[in-house]
Protein backbone atom coordinates (compact mmCIF):
# COMPACT_ATOMS: atom_id res chain seq x y z
CA MET A 1 26.39 6.15 -52.36
CA PHE A 2 23.27 3.93 -51.09
CA LYS A 3 24.03 1.36 -53.84
CA ASP A 4 28.02 1.06 -52.71
CA VAL A 5 26.49 0.12 -49.29
CA LEU A 6 24.22 -2.31 -50.60
CA ARG A 7 26.78 -3.65 -52.62
CA ALA A 8 29.25 -4.27 -50.00
CA MET A 9 26.91 -5.85 -47.46
CA ASP A 10 26.87 -9.78 -46.68
CA PHE A 11 23.29 -10.88 -47.01
CA THR A 12 24.19 -14.95 -46.48
CA LEU A 13 23.75 -14.06 -42.60
CA LEU A 14 20.23 -13.04 -43.16
CA SER A 15 19.49 -15.84 -45.39
CA GLN A 16 20.51 -18.33 -42.81
CA ILE A 17 18.93 -16.60 -40.07
CA ALA A 18 15.52 -16.49 -42.13
CA LEU A 19 16.13 -20.42 -42.61
CA VAL A 20 16.62 -21.28 -39.41
CA LEU A 21 13.75 -19.26 -38.19
CA PHE A 22 11.45 -20.72 -40.75
CA PHE A 23 12.54 -24.11 -39.64
CA GLY A 24 12.22 -23.30 -36.13
CA VAL A 25 8.54 -22.41 -36.65
CA PHE A 26 8.01 -25.48 -38.92
CA VAL A 27 9.15 -27.86 -36.28
CA ALA A 28 7.23 -26.17 -33.74
CA VAL A 29 4.00 -26.33 -35.60
CA VAL A 30 4.74 -30.07 -36.09
CA ILE A 31 5.22 -31.16 -32.44
CA ARG A 32 2.07 -28.91 -31.74
CA THR A 33 0.12 -31.15 -34.01
CA TRP A 34 1.44 -34.14 -33.07
CA THR A 35 0.85 -33.67 -29.19
CA ARG A 36 -2.90 -32.50 -29.63
CA PRO A 37 -5.23 -35.36 -28.38
CA LYS A 38 -6.78 -37.37 -30.88
CA GLN A 39 -10.47 -36.61 -29.87
CA GLU A 40 -9.62 -32.78 -30.59
CA MET A 41 -8.45 -33.57 -33.96
CA ASP A 42 -11.31 -35.66 -34.62
CA LYS A 43 -13.61 -32.60 -33.50
CA GLN A 44 -11.97 -30.19 -35.67
CA SER A 45 -11.84 -32.55 -38.72
CA GLN A 46 -15.45 -32.52 -38.53
CA ILE A 47 -16.02 -28.91 -38.59
CA PRO A 48 -16.20 -28.12 -42.17
CA LEU A 49 -18.87 -30.92 -42.67
CA SER A 50 -20.93 -29.91 -39.86
CA ASP A 51 -24.32 -28.11 -40.42
CA GLU A 52 -24.35 -27.31 -36.64
CA PRO A 53 -22.61 -23.92 -35.54
CA VAL A 54 -19.44 -24.77 -33.49
CA GLU A 55 -18.97 -23.40 -29.83
CA PRO A 56 -16.56 -21.22 -29.41
CA ARG A 57 -13.61 -22.39 -27.28
CA HIS A 58 -13.84 -20.18 -24.11
CA PRO A 59 -17.35 -18.67 -24.37
CA GLU A 60 -16.81 -16.82 -21.30
CA GLU A 61 -14.09 -14.35 -23.15
CA ASN A 62 -17.12 -13.70 -25.57
CA LYS A 63 -19.98 -13.13 -23.19
CA THR A 64 -17.60 -10.48 -21.34
CA ALA A 65 -16.64 -9.03 -24.52
CA SER A 66 -19.94 -8.43 -25.84
CA GLU A 67 -21.12 -7.03 -22.73
CA GLY A 68 -18.23 -4.62 -22.46
CA ALA A 69 -19.29 -3.30 -26.04
CA GLY A 70 -22.72 -2.24 -24.55
CA HIS A 71 -25.12 -4.78 -26.05
CA GLU A 72 -27.64 -5.64 -23.06
């Protein structure tokens, strides 16, 4: 019975939805990459080559998270 239901289903709609979803995410990533300031991209491109630790984006969030965990 389950095989009959699967055989009768048309999966073309699901594949089209998956394609549109993938394309939308791809376009969003490309736009986000192109709209980043050049200084930020240059800074991020140097991270793998740097021997110094990199500061987090929001140090105040890390401080409050560690204080809430009982670290005194």
